Each structure stands twice: as structure tokens, then as C-alpha cells.
């Protein structure tokens, strides 16, 4: 599948630390699309990842999907129905739990700046995030796989870091 086959409103889903933000930014640069990082809409800036009130997040989300050309990365299943109604394409990153954990530790320990970071926030290793990646993601992985199979949009499933890297090459994307 070519990148252009995914249209002008692309959703990127996947486990935490699977590379959604990096891929979204590469696609946004290549296709001149607005980038939307859902973590930035869901959390209050200048906090240690404090969630916004849910109605405020939904309003921000719905305003973002109203745009004509975007690439949106993040999950937040509460808002997926309306997001998928506007989307023209879907990418599911489905890398392994050990790979996500490794990327999480690398990001929090070694990367000073990261794509999709919360304004004024600082990443640090948190037990609740380790639990989320190790336990919660397994439940979500099954749900997202079923949803991916059922959705009627142009779509791509990238199931390893290797296939993600090949996709960057095929689509001419730069990190």
C-alpha cells in the first residue's frame, strides 16, 4: 500500500512507546498534514501527565478531527468511533511488549526531547506506565486487532520494528 492510499486524515494506533508519534510526524512532514498528538490533548500542559476533565478532552479531540487534513496518533478508545467516521486511513503499530518496554526505558532515561511530549512535562519511569505497557496493553492489543480487521478503511498493520522501518523506506519517510 502506498502512503497516499491512506488519504488526508490518517489515524495511527498502537501500544505506548511503539513509535506512533515519530511515524505521525514523519507522515505529517511528507504529506503536509496537521499533526495531532492525543496525549497532548488528553493531559494538562506543564503537569506530570495530569489528565484533563474528560469532557474537555472530548471537545479538543472533536475539534481536531473536524479539520480537513491531519495525522492523529494515539488511542483513547472513548473517542475512536467519531475519529474513525472522519478518518480516511488507519495504521496499526503492533510491536511486542518487550520492544515497547525497551523503548519506554530508552525514552525516559536517554532522550532529552521526544516527539509528542507534553508541553512543560518531563518523562520519568513510572510504575503505572510499566504496568500499563506490560498488562493493560495485552487486553487492548486483542481489542485493537479485532477492530482493525472490522474497520472499512484503507489500512496497514505494522507488526514489528523491522516492518515499521521497511515502511519508512517504502514511503520515503525521514525520522
C-alpha atoms as a PDB file:
ATOM      1  CA  UNK A   1       0.000   0.000   0.000  1.00  0.00           C
ATOM      2  CA  UNK A   2       1.183   3.497  -0.823  1.00  0.00           C
ATOM      3  CA  UNK A   3       1.056   6.267   1.762  1.00  0.00           C
ATOM      4  CA  UNK A   4      -1.263   8.275  -0.494  1.00  0.00           C
ATOM      5  CA  UNK A   5      -3.799   5.393  -0.342  1.00  0.00           C
ATOM      6  CA  UNK A   6      -4.451   6.329   3.309  1.00  0.00           C
ATOM      7  CA  UNK A   7      -5.907   9.701   2.338  1.00  0.00           C
ATOM      8  CA  UNK A   8      -5.727  13.056   4.100  1.00  0.00           C
ATOM      9  CA  UNK A   9      -6.942  12.033   7.588  1.00  0.00           C
ATOM     10  CA  UNK A  10      -4.830   9.238   8.998  1.00  0.00           C
ATOM     11  CA  UNK A  11      -5.177   7.589  12.426  1.00  0.00           C
ATOM     12  CA  UNK A  12      -2.186   5.850  13.977  1.00  0.00           C
ATOM     13  CA  UNK A  13      -2.937   3.419  16.810  1.00  0.00           C
ATOM     14  CA  UNK A  14      -0.739   1.128  18.842  1.00  0.00           C
ATOM     15  CA  UNK A  15       0.783   0.362  22.205  1.00  0.00           C
ATOM     16  CA  UNK A  16       2.555   3.004  24.249  1.00  0.00           C
ATOM     17  CA  UNK A  17       6.103   3.531  23.027  1.00  0.00           C
ATOM     18  CA  UNK A  18       5.562   1.774  19.715  1.00  0.00           C
ATOM     19  CA  UNK A  19       6.636   4.752  17.594  1.00  0.00           C
ATOM     20  CA  UNK A  20       3.269   6.390  16.880  1.00  0.00           C
ATOM     21  CA  UNK A  21       4.480   9.970  17.435  1.00  0.00           C
ATOM     22  CA  UNK A  22       7.624   9.549  15.363  1.00  0.00           C
ATOM     23  CA  UNK A  23       5.714   7.974  12.480  1.00  0.00           C
ATOM     24  CA  UNK A  24       2.972  10.615  12.665  1.00  0.00           C
ATOM     25  CA  UNK A  25       5.491  13.444  12.464  1.00  0.00           C
ATOM     26  CA  UNK A  26       7.288  11.823   9.526  1.00  0.00           C
ATOM     27  CA  UNK A  27       3.980  11.406   7.664  1.00  0.00           C
ATOM     28  CA  UNK A  28       2.893  14.955   8.525  1.00  0.00           C
ATOM     29  CA  UNK A  29       6.134  16.368   7.070  1.00  0.00           C
ATOM     30  CA  UNK A  30       5.933  14.227   3.940  1.00  0.00           C
ATOM     31  CA  UNK A  31       2.235  14.875   3.233  1.00  0.00           C
ATOM     32  CA  UNK A  32       1.938  18.413   4.684  1.00  0.00           C
ATOM     33  CA  UNK A  33      -0.721  17.332   7.176  1.00  0.00           C
ATOM     34  CA  UNK A  34      -1.501  18.797  10.581  1.00  0.00           C
ATOM     35  CA  UNK A  35      -0.206  16.543  13.354  1.00  0.00           C
ATOM     36  CA  UNK A  36      -2.334  15.792  16.387  1.00  0.00           C
ATOM     37  CA  UNK A  37      -0.788  14.063  19.409  1.00  0.00           C
ATOM     38  CA  UNK A  38      -3.726  12.822  21.503  1.00  0.00           C
ATOM     39  CA  UNK A  39      -1.584  12.648  24.650  1.00  0.00           C
ATOM     40  CA  UNK A  40      -1.184  16.429  24.386  1.00  0.00           C
ATOM     41  CA  UNK A  41      -4.941  16.884  24.180  1.00  0.00           C
ATOM     42  CA  UNK A  42      -5.683  14.415  26.978  1.00  0.00           C
ATOM     43  CA  UNK A  43      -3.184  15.797  29.512  1.00  0.00           C
ATOM     44  CA  UNK A  44      -2.874  19.247  31.074  1.00  0.00           C
ATOM     45  CA  UNK A  45       0.297  21.029  29.878  1.00  0.00           C
ATOM     46  CA  UNK A  46       3.002  21.804  32.436  1.00  0.00           C
ATOM     47  CA  UNK A  47       1.984  18.910  34.689  1.00  0.00           C
ATOM     48  CA  UNK A  48       3.310  15.418  35.335  1.00  0.00           C
ATOM     49  CA  UNK A  49       0.799  13.923  32.860  1.00  0.00           C
ATOM     50  CA  UNK A  50      -2.327  15.010  34.763  1.00  0.00           C
ATOM     51  CA  UNK A  51      -5.470  14.141  32.740  1.00  0.00           C
ATOM     52  CA  UNK A  52      -7.869  16.876  31.696  1.00  0.00           C
ATOM     53  CA  UNK A  53     -11.561  16.548  32.555  1.00  0.00           C
ATOM     54  CA  UNK A  54     -12.979  14.057  30.036  1.00  0.00           C
ATOM     55  CA  UNK A  55     -15.494  16.489  28.522  1.00  0.00           C
ATOM     56  CA  UNK A  56     -12.680  18.966  27.863  1.00  0.00           C
ATOM     57  CA  UNK A  57     -10.604  16.254  26.165  1.00  0.00           C
ATOM     58  CA  UNK A  58     -13.536  15.108  24.016  1.00  0.00           C
ATOM     59  CA  UNK A  59     -14.167  18.713  22.910  1.00  0.00           C
ATOM     60  CA  UNK A  60     -10.487  19.135  21.951  1.00  0.00           C
ATOM     61  CA  UNK A  61     -10.498  15.774  20.161  1.00  0.00           C
ATOM     62  CA  UNK A  62     -13.682  16.544  18.229  1.00  0.00           C
ATOM     63  CA  UNK A  63     -12.344  19.968  17.186  1.00  0.00           C
ATOM     64  CA  UNK A  64      -9.153  18.309  15.909  1.00  0.00           C
ATOM     65  CA  UNK A  65     -10.950  15.682  13.824  1.00  0.00           C
ATOM     66  CA  UNK A  66     -13.113  18.393  12.232  1.00  0.00           C
ATOM     67  CA  UNK A  67     -10.065  19.514  10.237  1.00  0.00           C
ATOM     68  CA  UNK A  68      -9.625  18.513   6.610  1.00  0.00           C
ATOM     69  CA  UNK A  69      -6.047  17.191   6.638  1.00  0.00           C
ATOM     70  CA  UNK A  70      -4.424  15.553   9.648  1.00  0.00           C
ATOM     71  CA  UNK A  71      -2.481  12.646  11.006  1.00  0.00           C
ATOM     72  CA  UNK A  72      -3.582  11.769  14.531  1.00  0.00           C
ATOM     73  CA  UNK A  73      -1.644   9.468  16.807  1.00  0.00           C
ATOM     74  CA  UNK A  74      -2.884   7.891  19.976  1.00  0.00           C
ATOM     75  CA  UNK A  75      -5.545   5.527  21.146  1.00  0.00           C
ATOM     76  CA  UNK A  76      -8.145   6.831  23.637  1.00  0.00           C
ATOM     77  CA  UNK A  77     -10.845   4.348  22.667  1.00  0.00           C
ATOM     78  CA  UNK A  78     -13.648   6.525  24.075  1.00  0.00           C
ATOM     79  CA  UNK A  79     -13.251   8.797  21.048  1.00  0.00           C
ATOM     80  CA  UNK A  80     -12.475   6.198  18.388  1.00  0.00           C
ATOM     81  CA  UNK A  81     -15.993   5.970  16.911  1.00  0.00           C
ATOM     82  CA  UNK A  82     -16.145   9.633  15.893  1.00  0.00           C
ATOM     83  CA  UNK A  83     -12.470   9.613  14.863  1.00  0.00           C
ATOM     84  CA  UNK A  84     -12.973   6.639  12.545  1.00  0.00           C
ATOM     85  CA  UNK A  85     -16.006   8.294  10.952  1.00  0.00           C
ATOM     86  CA  UNK A  86     -13.724  11.160   9.837  1.00  0.00           C
ATOM     87  CA  UNK A  87     -10.595   9.122   9.090  1.00  0.00           C
ATOM     88  CA  UNK A  88      -9.571   8.175   5.574  1.00  0.00           C
ATOM     89  CA  UNK A  89      -6.888   5.682   6.608  1.00  0.00           C
ATOM     90  CA  UNK A  90      -5.583   3.700   9.559  1.00  0.00           C
ATOM     91  CA  UNK A  91      -2.157   2.484  10.639  1.00  0.00           C
ATOM     92  CA  UNK A  92      -1.865  -0.019  13.487  1.00  0.00           C
ATOM     93  CA  UNK A  93       1.547  -0.433  15.102  1.00  0.00           C
ATOM     94  CA  UNK A  94       1.550  -3.798  16.827  1.00  0.00           C
ATOM     95  CA  UNK A  95       5.062  -4.239  18.197  1.00  0.00           C
ATOM     96  CA  UNK A  96       5.834  -6.636  21.030  1.00  0.00           C
ATOM     97  CA  UNK A  97       5.545  -5.777  24.702  1.00  0.00           C
ATOM     98  CA  UNK A  98       9.295  -6.245  25.320  1.00  0.00           C
ATOM     99  CA  UNK A  99      10.044  -3.832  22.450  1.00  0.00           C
ATOM    100  CA  UNK A 100       7.612  -1.259  23.904  1.00  0.00           C
ATOM    101  CA  UNK A 101       9.177  -1.580  27.349  1.00  0.00           C
ATOM    102  CA  UNK A 102      12.678  -1.197  25.935  1.00  0.00           C
ATOM    103  CA  UNK A 103      11.616   1.909  24.013  1.00  0.00           C
ATOM    104  CA  UNK A 104       9.967   3.306  27.168  1.00  0.00           C
ATOM    105  CA  UNK A 105      13.121   2.957  29.249  1.00  0.00           C
ATOM    106  CA  UNK A 106      15.280   4.352  26.453  1.00  0.00           C
ATOM    107  CA  UNK A 107      12.972   7.330  26.050  1.00  0.00           C
ATOM    108  CA  UNK A 108      12.739   8.188  29.729  1.00  0.00           C
ATOM    109  CA  UNK A 109      16.399   7.652  30.549  1.00  0.00           C
ATOM    110  CA  UNK A 110      18.241   8.832  27.458  1.00  0.00           C
ATOM    111  CA  UNK A 111      16.124  11.149  25.315  1.00  0.00           C
ATOM    112  CA  UNK A 112      16.034  14.788  26.389  1.00  0.00           C
ATOM    113  CA  UNK A 113      13.381  15.732  23.857  1.00  0.00           C
ATOM    114  CA  UNK A 114      10.853  13.459  22.255  1.00  0.00           C
ATOM    115  CA  UNK A 115       8.149  13.757  19.683  1.00  0.00           C
ATOM    116  CA  UNK A 116       4.659  14.124  21.101  1.00  0.00           C
ATOM    117  CA  UNK A 117       5.917  15.182  24.531  1.00  0.00           C
ATOM    118  CA  UNK A 118       3.680  17.088  26.882  1.00  0.00           C
ATOM    119  CA  UNK A 119       4.496  20.801  26.970  1.00  0.00           C
ATOM    120  CA  UNK A 120       6.351  21.513  30.185  1.00  0.00           C
ATOM    121  CA  UNK A 121       6.265  17.843  31.179  1.00  0.00           C
ATOM    122  CA  UNK A 122       9.189  15.580  31.955  1.00  0.00           C
ATOM    123  CA  UNK A 123       9.207  11.890  31.235  1.00  0.00           C
ATOM    124  CA  UNK A 124      10.350   9.632  34.030  1.00  0.00           C
ATOM    125  CA  UNK A 125       9.994   5.941  34.731  1.00  0.00           C
ATOM    126  CA  UNK A 126       6.672   5.325  36.435  1.00  0.00           C
ATOM    127  CA  UNK A 127       5.372   2.020  37.779  1.00  0.00           C
ATOM    128  CA  UNK A 128       1.871   2.695  36.483  1.00  0.00           C
ATOM    129  CA  UNK A 129       3.289   3.118  32.963  1.00  0.00           C
ATOM    130  CA  UNK A 130       5.269  -0.134  33.236  1.00  0.00           C
ATOM    131  CA  UNK A 131       2.048  -1.855  34.341  1.00  0.00           C
ATOM    132  CA  UNK A 132       0.125  -0.244  31.502  1.00  0.00           C
ATOM    133  CA  UNK A 133       2.634  -1.439  28.894  1.00  0.00           C
ATOM    134  CA  UNK A 134       3.018  -4.907  30.436  1.00  0.00           C
ATOM    135  CA  UNK A 135      -0.586  -5.736  31.380  1.00  0.00           C
ATOM    136  CA  UNK A 136      -3.187  -3.324  30.016  1.00  0.00           C
ATOM    137  CA  UNK A 137      -1.677  -3.288  26.536  1.00  0.00           C
ATOM    138  CA  UNK A 138      -2.271  -7.039  26.171  1.00  0.00           C
ATOM    139  CA  UNK A 139      -6.031  -6.538  26.559  1.00  0.00           C
ATOM    140  CA  UNK A 140      -6.012  -3.561  24.225  1.00  0.00           C
ATOM    141  CA  UNK A 141      -3.921  -5.423  21.639  1.00  0.00           C
ATOM    142  CA  UNK A 142      -6.669  -8.033  21.175  1.00  0.00           C
ATOM    143  CA  UNK A 143      -9.403  -5.389  21.031  1.00  0.00           C
ATOM    144  CA  UNK A 144      -7.495  -3.241  18.516  1.00  0.00           C
ATOM    145  CA  UNK A 145      -6.750  -6.259  16.336  1.00  0.00           C
ATOM    146  CA  UNK A 146     -10.444  -7.165  16.123  1.00  0.00           C
ATOM    147  CA  UNK A 147     -11.365  -3.554  15.479  1.00  0.00           C
ATOM    148  CA  UNK A 148      -8.658  -3.246  12.803  1.00  0.00           C
ATOM    149  CA  UNK A 149      -9.978  -6.315  10.996  1.00  0.00           C
ATOM    150  CA  UNK A 150     -13.544  -4.979  11.040  1.00  0.00           C
ATOM    151  CA  UNK A 151     -12.944  -1.370  10.030  1.00  0.00           C
ATOM    152  CA  UNK A 152     -13.653  -0.491   6.417  1.00  0.00           C
ATOM    153  CA  UNK A 153     -10.833   1.950   5.678  1.00  0.00           C
ATOM    154  CA  UNK A 154      -7.555   1.677   3.798  1.00  0.00           C
ATOM    155  CA  UNK A 155      -5.258   0.301   6.480  1.00  0.00           C
ATOM    156  CA  UNK A 156      -1.807  -1.000   7.279  1.00  0.00           C
ATOM    157  CA  UNK A 157      -0.719  -3.208  10.182  1.00  0.00           C
ATOM    158  CA  UNK A 158       2.970  -2.945  11.105  1.00  0.00           C
ATOM    159  CA  UNK A 159       3.732  -5.791  13.490  1.00  0.00           C
ATOM    160  CA  UNK A 160       7.418  -5.321  14.286  1.00  0.00           C
ATOM    161  CA  UNK A 161      10.099  -2.669  14.456  1.00  0.00           C
ATOM    162  CA  UNK A 162      11.553  -4.200  11.303  1.00  0.00           C
ATOM    163  CA  UNK A 163       8.293  -3.797   9.352  1.00  0.00           C
ATOM    164  CA  UNK A 164       7.987  -0.211  10.622  1.00  0.00           C
ATOM    165  CA  UNK A 165      11.500   0.531   9.369  1.00  0.00           C
ATOM    166  CA  UNK A 166      10.678  -1.018   5.982  1.00  0.00           C
ATOM    167  CA  UNK A 167       7.578   1.146   5.810  1.00  0.00           C
ATOM    168  CA  UNK A 168       9.677   4.295   6.400  1.00  0.00           C
ATOM    169  CA  UNK A 169      11.867   3.252   3.466  1.00  0.00           C
ATOM    170  CA  UNK A 170       8.963   2.336   1.166  1.00  0.00           C
ATOM    171  CA  UNK A 171       7.131   5.604   1.843  1.00  0.00           C
ATOM    172  CA  UNK A 172      10.288   7.756   1.708  1.00  0.00           C
ATOM    173  CA  UNK A 173       9.867   8.993   5.280  1.00  0.00           C
ATOM    174  CA  UNK A 174      12.576  10.611   7.393  1.00  0.00           C
ATOM    175  CA  UNK A 175      12.660  10.403  11.185  1.00  0.00           C
END
